[in-house]
Amino acid sequence: MHDSFPVFRRYFEAKARLLGKETLAWWDLFAPVGKSEKRYAYSEARDFILENFDTFSDRLVLFTQRAFEQNWIDA
């Protein structure tokens, strides 16, 4: 595992440059680089999120359903 550290370091340094940052915050580690050709309708995105959250946690999906129903999400 320690042998992989230099590779990961170079990867994250390159990713930071592509994102226009000196360093990456934790939320940047999983940020996409580049553009996706796929576009999602709001309803498709909502359904995808709810379906996947439901497999993870009942509480999380209930909270997220409430967020959608009460218009907490700006889109």
PDB file of N, CA and C in Angstrom:
ATOM      1  N   MET A   1       0.813  -1.188   0.000  1.00  0.00           N
ATOM      2  CA  MET A   1       0.000   0.000   0.000  1.00  0.00           C
ATOM      3  C   MET A   1       0.863   1.262   0.000  1.00  0.00           C
ATOM      4  N   HIS A   2       1.896   1.268   0.800  1.00  0.00           N
ATOM      5  CA  HIS A   2       2.761   2.450   0.874  1.00  0.00           C
ATOM      6  C   HIS A   2       3.410   2.745  -0.473  1.00  0.00           C
ATOM      7  N   ASP A   3       3.635   1.694  -1.264  1.00  0.00           N
ATOM      8  CA  ASP A   3       4.237   1.897  -2.582  1.00  0.00           C
ATOM      9  C   ASP A   3       3.330   2.706  -3.504  1.00  0.00           C
ATOM     10  N   SER A   4       2.037   2.687  -3.243  1.00  0.00           N
ATOM     11  CA  SER A   4       1.075   3.393  -4.095  1.00  0.00           C
ATOM     12  C   SER A   4       0.952   4.875  -3.759  1.00  0.00           C
ATOM     13  N   PHE A   5       1.450   5.297  -2.616  1.00  0.00           N
ATOM     14  CA  PHE A   5       1.292   6.694  -2.208  1.00  0.00           C
ATOM     15  C   PHE A   5       1.793   7.689  -3.253  1.00  0.00           C
ATOM     16  N   PRO A   6       2.991   7.498  -3.830  1.00  0.00           N
ATOM     17  CA  PRO A   6       3.443   8.469  -4.837  1.00  0.00           C
ATOM     18  C   PRO A   6       2.509   8.553  -6.045  1.00  0.00           C
ATOM     19  N   VAL A   7       1.927   7.441  -6.440  1.00  0.00           N
ATOM     20  CA  VAL A   7       1.001   7.434  -7.576  1.00  0.00           C
ATOM     21  C   VAL A   7      -0.250   8.238  -7.235  1.00  0.00           C
ATOM     22  N   PHE A   8      -0.815   7.983  -6.054  1.00  0.00           N
ATOM     23  CA  PHE A   8      -2.001   8.727  -5.635  1.00  0.00           C
ATOM     24  C   PHE A   8      -1.695  10.212  -5.480  1.00  0.00           C
ATOM     25  N   ARG A   9      -0.545  10.508  -4.949  1.00  0.00           N
ATOM     26  CA  ARG A   9      -0.164  11.916  -4.771  1.00  0.00           C
ATOM     27  C   ARG A   9      -0.104  12.623  -6.121  1.00  0.00           C
ATOM     28  N   ARG A  10       0.525  11.993  -7.111  1.00  0.00           N
ATOM     29  CA  ARG A  10       0.597  12.603  -8.445  1.00  0.00           C
ATOM     30  C   ARG A  10      -0.798  12.754  -9.052  1.00  0.00           C
ATOM     31  N   TYR A  11      -1.636  11.739  -8.859  1.00  0.00           N
ATOM     32  CA  TYR A  11      -3.003  11.797  -9.382  1.00  0.00           C
ATOM     33  C   TYR A  11      -3.758  12.981  -8.779  1.00  0.00           C
ATOM     34  N   PHE A  12      -3.702  13.125  -7.456  1.00  0.00           N
ATOM     35  CA  PHE A  12      -4.440  14.208  -6.807  1.00  0.00           C
ATOM     36  C   PHE A  12      -3.841  15.575  -7.119  1.00  0.00           C
ATOM     37  N   GLU A  13      -2.537  15.655  -7.302  1.00  0.00           N
ATOM     38  CA  GLU A  13      -1.931  16.924  -7.711  1.00  0.00           C
ATOM     39  C   GLU A  13      -2.399  17.313  -9.112  1.00  0.00           C
ATOM     40  N   ALA A  14      -2.456  16.333 -10.015  1.00  0.00           N
ATOM     41  CA  ALA A  14      -2.934  16.598 -11.377  1.00  0.00           C
ATOM     42  C   ALA A  14      -4.410  16.989 -11.361  1.00  0.00           C
ATOM     43  N   LYS A  15      -5.190  16.306 -10.535  1.00  0.00           N
ATOM     44  CA  LYS A  15      -6.616  16.623 -10.445  1.00  0.00           C
ATOM     45  C   LYS A  15      -6.810  18.042  -9.920  1.00  0.00           C
ATOM     46  N   ALA A  16      -6.037  18.433  -8.931  1.00  0.00           N
ATOM     47  CA  ALA A  16      -6.130  19.797  -8.394  1.00  0.00           C
ATOM     48  C   ALA A  16      -5.837  20.811  -9.494  1.00  0.00           C
ATOM     49  N   ARG A  17      -4.807  20.561 -10.296  1.00  0.00           N
ATOM     50  CA  ARG A  17      -4.483  21.489 -11.390  1.00  0.00           C
ATOM     51  C   ARG A  17      -5.647  21.586 -12.377  1.00  0.00           C
ATOM     52  N   LEU A  18      -6.234  20.428 -12.736  1.00  0.00           N
ATOM     53  CA  LEU A  18      -7.360  20.426 -13.676  1.00  0.00           C
ATOM     54  C   LEU A  18      -8.566  21.184 -13.129  1.00  0.00           C
ATOM     55  N   LEU A  19      -8.741  21.137 -11.808  1.00  0.00           N
ATOM     56  CA  LEU A  19      -9.850  21.851 -11.180  1.00  0.00           C
ATOM     57  C   LEU A  19      -9.498  23.302 -10.865  1.00  0.00           C
ATOM     58  N   GLY A  20      -8.248  23.692 -11.138  1.00  0.00           N
ATOM     59  CA  GLY A  20      -7.825  25.067 -10.896  1.00  0.00           C
ATOM     60  C   GLY A  20      -7.579  25.380  -9.433  1.00  0.00           C
ATOM     61  N   LYS A  21      -7.104  24.388  -8.677  1.00  0.00           N
ATOM     62  CA  LYS A  21      -6.875  24.575  -7.244  1.00  0.00           C
ATOM     63  C   LYS A  21      -5.440  24.214  -6.893  1.00  0.00           C
ATOM     64  N   GLU A  22      -4.952  24.801  -5.808  1.00  0.00           N
ATOM     65  CA  GLU A  22      -3.621  24.438  -5.324  1.00  0.00           C
ATOM     66  C   GLU A  22      -3.647  23.091  -4.629  1.00  0.00           C
ATOM     67  N   THR A  23      -4.664  22.894  -3.811  1.00  0.00           N
ATOM     68  CA  THR A  23      -4.840  21.625  -3.104  1.00  0.00           C
ATOM     69  C   THR A  23      -6.313  21.232  -3.177  1.00  0.00           C
ATOM     70  N   LEU A  24      -6.587  19.966  -2.890  1.00  0.00           N
ATOM     71  CA  LEU A  24      -7.957  19.474  -2.931  1.00  0.00           C
ATOM     72  C   LEU A  24      -8.535  19.388  -1.529  1.00  0.00           C
ATOM     73  N   ALA A  25      -9.728  19.910  -1.374  1.00  0.00           N
ATOM     74  CA  ALA A  25     -10.484  19.672  -0.142  1.00  0.00           C
ATOM     75  C   ALA A  25     -11.049  18.260  -0.232  1.00  0.00           C
ATOM     76  N   TRP A  26     -11.518  17.713   0.864  1.00  0.00           N
ATOM     77  CA  TRP A  26     -11.993  16.325   0.837  1.00  0.00           C
ATOM     78  C   TRP A  26     -13.123  16.144  -0.152  1.00  0.00           C
ATOM     79  N   TRP A  27     -13.990  17.168  -0.316  1.00  0.00           N
ATOM     80  CA  TRP A  27     -15.121  17.018  -1.233  1.00  0.00           C
ATOM     81  C   TRP A  27     -14.678  17.051  -2.690  1.00  0.00           C
ATOM     82  N   ASP A  28     -13.470  17.554  -2.944  1.00  0.00           N
ATOM     83  CA  ASP A  28     -12.947  17.568  -4.308  1.00  0.00           C
ATOM     84  C   ASP A  28     -12.385  16.214  -4.734  1.00  0.00           C
ATOM     85  N   LEU A  29     -12.109  15.351  -3.772  1.00  0.00           N
ATOM     86  CA  LEU A  29     -11.500  14.065  -4.111  1.00  0.00           C
ATOM     87  C   LEU A  29     -12.359  13.266  -5.074  1.00  0.00           C
ATOM     88  N   PHE A  30     -13.667  13.411  -4.967  1.00  0.00           N
ATOM     89  CA  PHE A  30     -14.580  12.632  -5.794  1.00  0.00           C
ATOM     90  C   PHE A  30     -15.267  13.475  -6.868  1.00  0.00           C
ATOM     91  N   ALA A  31     -14.831  14.718  -7.006  1.00  0.00           N
ATOM     92  CA  ALA A  31     -15.430  15.604  -8.008  1.00  0.00           C
ATOM     93  C   ALA A  31     -15.070  15.119  -9.406  1.00  0.00           C
ATOM     94  N   PRO A  32     -16.010  15.210 -10.328  1.00  0.00           N
ATOM     95  CA  PRO A  32     -15.705  14.801 -11.699  1.00  0.00           C
ATOM     96  C   PRO A  32     -14.757  15.799 -12.354  1.00  0.00           C
ATOM     97  N   VAL A  33     -13.975  15.297 -13.266  1.00  0.00           N
ATOM     98  CA  VAL A  33     -13.092  16.140 -14.059  1.00  0.00           C
ATOM     99  C   VAL A  33     -13.537  15.988 -15.507  1.00  0.00           C
ATOM    100  N   GLY A  34     -13.867  17.081 -16.129  1.00  0.00           N
ATOM    101  CA  GLY A  34     -14.360  17.014 -17.501  1.00  0.00           C
ATOM    102  C   GLY A  34     -15.869  17.127 -17.528  1.00  0.00           C
ATOM    103  N   LYS A  35     -16.412  16.962 -18.714  1.00  0.00           N
ATOM    104  CA  LYS A  35     -17.854  17.105 -18.883  1.00  0.00           C
ATOM    105  C   LYS A  35     -18.480  15.760 -19.206  1.00  0.00           C
ATOM    106  N   SER A  36     -19.703  15.615 -18.785  1.00  0.00           N
ATOM    107  CA  SER A  36     -20.489  14.440 -19.121  1.00  0.00           C
ATOM    108  C   SER A  36     -21.431  14.812 -20.256  1.00  0.00           C
ATOM    109  N   GLU A  37     -21.601  13.924 -21.186  1.00  0.00           N
ATOM    110  CA  GLU A  37     -22.522  14.166 -22.289  1.00  0.00           C
ATOM    111  C   GLU A  37     -23.965  13.908 -21.867  1.00  0.00           C
ATOM    112  N   LYS A  38     -24.146  13.136 -20.808  1.00  0.00           N
ATOM    113  CA  LYS A  38     -25.489  12.778 -20.342  1.00  0.00           C
ATOM    114  C   LYS A  38     -26.071  13.937 -19.549  1.00  0.00           C
ATOM    115  N   ARG A  39     -27.313  14.257 -19.850  1.00  0.00           N
ATOM    116  CA  ARG A  39     -28.044  15.274 -19.087  1.00  0.00           C
ATOM    117  C   ARG A  39     -29.246  14.595 -18.464  1.00  0.00           C
ATOM    118  N   TYR A  40     -29.553  14.965 -17.240  1.00  0.00           N
ATOM    119  CA  TYR A  40     -30.649  14.350 -16.505  1.00  0.00           C
ATOM    120  C   TYR A  40     -31.764  15.359 -16.280  1.00  0.00           C
ATOM    121  N   ALA A  41     -32.977  14.911 -16.499  1.00  0.00           N
ATOM    122  CA  ALA A  41     -34.126  15.722 -16.116  1.00  0.00           C
ATOM    123  C   ALA A  41     -34.192  15.723 -14.591  1.00  0.00           C
ATOM    124  N   TYR A  42     -34.798  16.751 -14.032  1.00  0.00           N
ATOM    125  CA  TYR A  42     -34.912  16.850 -12.575  1.00  0.00           C
ATOM    126  C   TYR A  42     -35.563  15.599 -12.000  1.00  0.00           C
ATOM    127  N   SER A  43     -36.634  15.129 -12.625  1.00  0.00           N
ATOM    128  CA  SER A  43     -37.341  13.945 -12.113  1.00  0.00           C
ATOM    129  C   SER A  43     -36.472  12.697 -12.190  1.00  0.00           C
ATOM    130  N   GLU A  44     -35.641  12.576 -13.233  1.00  0.00           N
ATOM    131  CA  GLU A  44     -34.729  11.431 -13.340  1.00  0.00           C
ATOM    132  C   GLU A  44     -33.702  11.460 -12.208  1.00  0.00           C
ATOM    133  N   ALA A  45     -33.153  12.636 -11.959  1.00  0.00           N
ATOM    134  CA  ALA A  45     -32.155  12.774 -10.896  1.00  0.00           C
ATOM    135  C   ALA A  45     -32.773  12.474  -9.536  1.00  0.00           C
ATOM    136  N   ARG A  46     -33.970  13.021  -9.291  1.00  0.00           N
ATOM    137  CA  ARG A  46     -34.663  12.764  -8.024  1.00  0.00           C
ATOM    138  C   ARG A  46     -34.906  11.269  -7.835  1.00  0.00           C
ATOM    139  N   ASP A  47     -35.411  10.601  -8.859  1.00  0.00           N
ATOM    140  CA  ASP A  47     -35.689   9.168  -8.760  1.00  0.00           C
ATOM    141  C   ASP A  47     -34.416   8.366  -8.523  1.00  0.00           C
ATOM    142  N   PHE A  48     -33.344   8.740  -9.201  1.00  0.00           N
ATOM    143  CA  PHE A  48     -32.061   8.057  -9.029  1.00  0.00           C
ATOM    144  C   PHE A  48     -31.567   8.196  -7.587  1.00  0.00           C
ATOM    145  N   ILE A  49     -31.622   9.411  -7.070  1.00  0.00           N
ATOM    146  CA  ILE A  49     -31.164   9.670  -5.701  1.00  0.00           C
ATOM    147  C   ILE A  49     -31.998   8.892  -4.698  1.00  0.00           C
ATOM    148  N   LEU A  50     -33.306   8.970  -4.818  1.00  0.00           N
ATOM    149  CA  LEU A  50     -34.177   8.276  -3.863  1.00  0.00           C
ATOM    150  C   LEU A  50     -33.988   6.763  -3.925  1.00  0.00           C
ATOM    151  N   GLU A  51     -33.875   6.233  -5.124  1.00  0.00           N
ATOM    152  CA  GLU A  51     -33.687   4.788  -5.277  1.00  0.00           C
ATOM    153  C   GLU A  51     -32.398   4.326  -4.613  1.00  0.00           C
ATOM    154  N   ASN A  52     -31.328   5.068  -4.815  1.00  0.00           N
ATOM    155  CA  ASN A  52     -30.044   4.664  -4.253  1.00  0.00           C
ATOM    156  C   ASN A  52     -29.949   4.936  -2.760  1.00  0.00           C
ATOM    157  N   PHE A  53     -30.510   6.035  -2.295  1.00  0.00           N
ATOM    158  CA  PHE A  53     -30.522   6.295  -0.857  1.00  0.00           C
ATOM    159  C   PHE A  53     -31.350   5.250  -0.124  1.00  0.00           C
ATOM    160  N   ASP A  54     -32.412   4.775  -0.765  1.00  0.00           N
ATOM    161  CA  ASP A  54     -33.285   3.778  -0.148  1.00  0.00           C
ATOM    162  C   ASP A  54     -32.545   2.472   0.121  1.00  0.00           C
ATOM    163  N   THR A  55     -31.577   2.136  -0.710  1.00  0.00           N
ATOM    164  CA  THR A  55     -30.802   0.908  -0.484  1.00  0.00           C
ATOM    165  C   THR A  55     -29.808   1.078   0.657  1.00  0.00           C
ATOM    166  N   PHE A  56     -29.541   2.328   1.012  1.00  0.00           N
ATOM    167  CA  PHE A  56     -28.542   2.608   2.036  1.00  0.00           C
ATOM    168  C   PHE A  56     -29.148   2.807   3.418  1.00  0.00           C
ATOM    169  N   SER A  57     -30.216   3.611   3.500  1.00  0.00           N
ATOM    170  CA  SER A  57     -30.737   3.974   4.812  1.00  0.00           C
ATOM    171  C   SER A  57     -32.188   4.438   4.713  1.00  0.00           C
ATOM    172  N   ASP A  58     -33.047   3.847   5.523  1.00  0.00           N
ATOM    173  CA  ASP A  58     -34.448   4.284   5.575  1.00  0.00           C
ATOM    174  C   ASP A  58     -34.554   5.742   6.026  1.00  0.00           C
ATOM    175  N   ARG A  59     -33.779   6.107   7.024  1.00  0.00           N
ATOM    176  CA  ARG A  59     -33.825   7.482   7.535  1.00  0.00           C
ATOM    177  C   ARG A  59     -33.362   8.485   6.482  1.00  0.00           C
ATOM    178  N   LEU A  60     -32.321   8.103   5.764  1.00  0.00           N
ATOM    179  CA  LEU A  60     -31.787   9.006   4.746  1.00  0.00           C
ATOM    180  C   LEU A  60     -32.796   9.220   3.624  1.00  0.00           C
ATOM    181  N   VAL A  61     -33.431   8.145   3.159  1.00  0.00           N
ATOM    182  CA  VAL A  61     -34.389   8.307   2.064  1.00  0.00           C
ATOM    183  C   VAL A  61     -35.612   9.096   2.532  1.00  0.00           C
ATOM    184  N   LEU A  62     -36.046   8.902   3.766  1.00  0.00           N
ATOM    185  CA  LEU A  62     -37.181   9.677   4.279  1.00  0.00           C
ATOM    186  C   LEU A  62     -36.837  11.164   4.367  1.00  0.00           C
ATOM    187  N   PHE A  63     -35.647  11.461   4.839  1.00  0.00           N
ATOM    188  CA  PHE A  63     -35.196  12.851   4.911  1.00  0.00           C
ATOM    189  C   PHE A  63     -35.134  13.467   3.512  1.00  0.00           C
ATOM    190  N   THR A  64     -34.602  12.702   2.564  1.00  0.00           N
ATOM    191  CA  THR A  64     -34.455  13.203   1.200  1.00  0.00           C
ATOM    192  C   THR A  64     -35.811  13.386   0.529  1.00  0.00           C
ATOM    193  N   GLN A  65     -36.728  12.473   0.763  1.00  0.00           N
ATOM    194  CA  GLN A  65     -38.084  12.637   0.231  1.00  0.00           C
ATOM    195  C   GLN A  65     -38.703  13.932   0.757  1.00  0.00           C
ATOM    196  N   ARG A  66     -38.504  14.180   2.024  1.00  0.00           N
ATOM    197  CA  ARG A  66     -39.026  15.409   2.634  1.00  0.00           C
ATOM    198  C   ARG A  66     -38.395  16.643   1.986  1.00  0.00           C
ATOM    199  N   ALA A  67     -37.095  16.561   1.731  1.00  0.00           N
ATOM    200  CA  ALA A  67     -36.407  17.685   1.090  1.00  0.00           C
ATOM    201  C   ALA A  67     -36.996  17.973  -0.285  1.00  0.00           C
ATOM    202  N   PHE A  68     -37.285  16.927  -1.045  1.00  0.00           N
ATOM    203  CA  PHE A  68     -37.902  17.130  -2.359  1.00  0.00           C
ATOM    204  C   PHE A  68     -39.330  17.651  -2.224  1.00  0.00           C
ATOM    205  N   GLU A  69     -40.099  17.053  -1.341  1.00  0.00           N
ATOM    206  CA  GLU A  69     -41.510  17.429  -1.189  1.00  0.00           C
ATOM    207  C   GLU A  69     -41.685  18.863  -0.688  1.00  0.00           C
ATOM    208  N   GLN A  70     -40.770  19.315   0.165  1.00  0.00           N
ATOM    209  CA  GLN A  70     -40.895  20.656   0.740  1.00  0.00           C
ATOM    210  C   GLN A  70     -40.035  21.701   0.012  1.00  0.00           C
ATOM    211  N   ASN A  71     -39.560  21.308  -1.159  1.00  0.00           N
ATOM    212  CA  ASN A  71     -38.806  22.231  -2.032  1.00  0.00           C
ATOM    213  C   ASN A  71     -37.583  22.845  -1.367  1.00  0.00           C
ATOM    214  N   TRP A  72     -36.842  22.016  -0.648  1.00  0.00           N
ATOM    215  CA  TRP A  72     -35.599  22.484  -0.039  1.00  0.00           C
ATOM    216  C   TRP A  72     -34.463  22.525  -1.058  1.00  0.00           C
ATOM    217  N   ILE A  73     -34.683  21.960  -2.220  1.00  0.00           N
ATOM    218  CA  ILE A  73     -33.627  21.809  -3.220  1.00  0.00           C
ATOM    219  C   ILE A  73     -33.846  22.827  -4.330  1.00  0.00           C
ATOM    220  N   ASP A  74     -32.840  23.648  -4.565  1.00  0.00           N
ATOM    221  CA  ASP A  74     -32.907  24.624  -5.651  1.00  0.00           C
ATOM    222  C   ASP A  74     -32.389  23.973  -6.927  1.00  0.00           C
ATOM    223  N   ALA A  75     -33.205  23.982  -7.934  1.00  0.00           N
ATOM    224  CA  ALA A  75     -32.770  23.426  -9.227  1.00  0.00           C
ATOM    225  C   ALA A  75     -33.501  24.125 -10.353  1.00  0.00           C
TER     226      ALA A  75
END
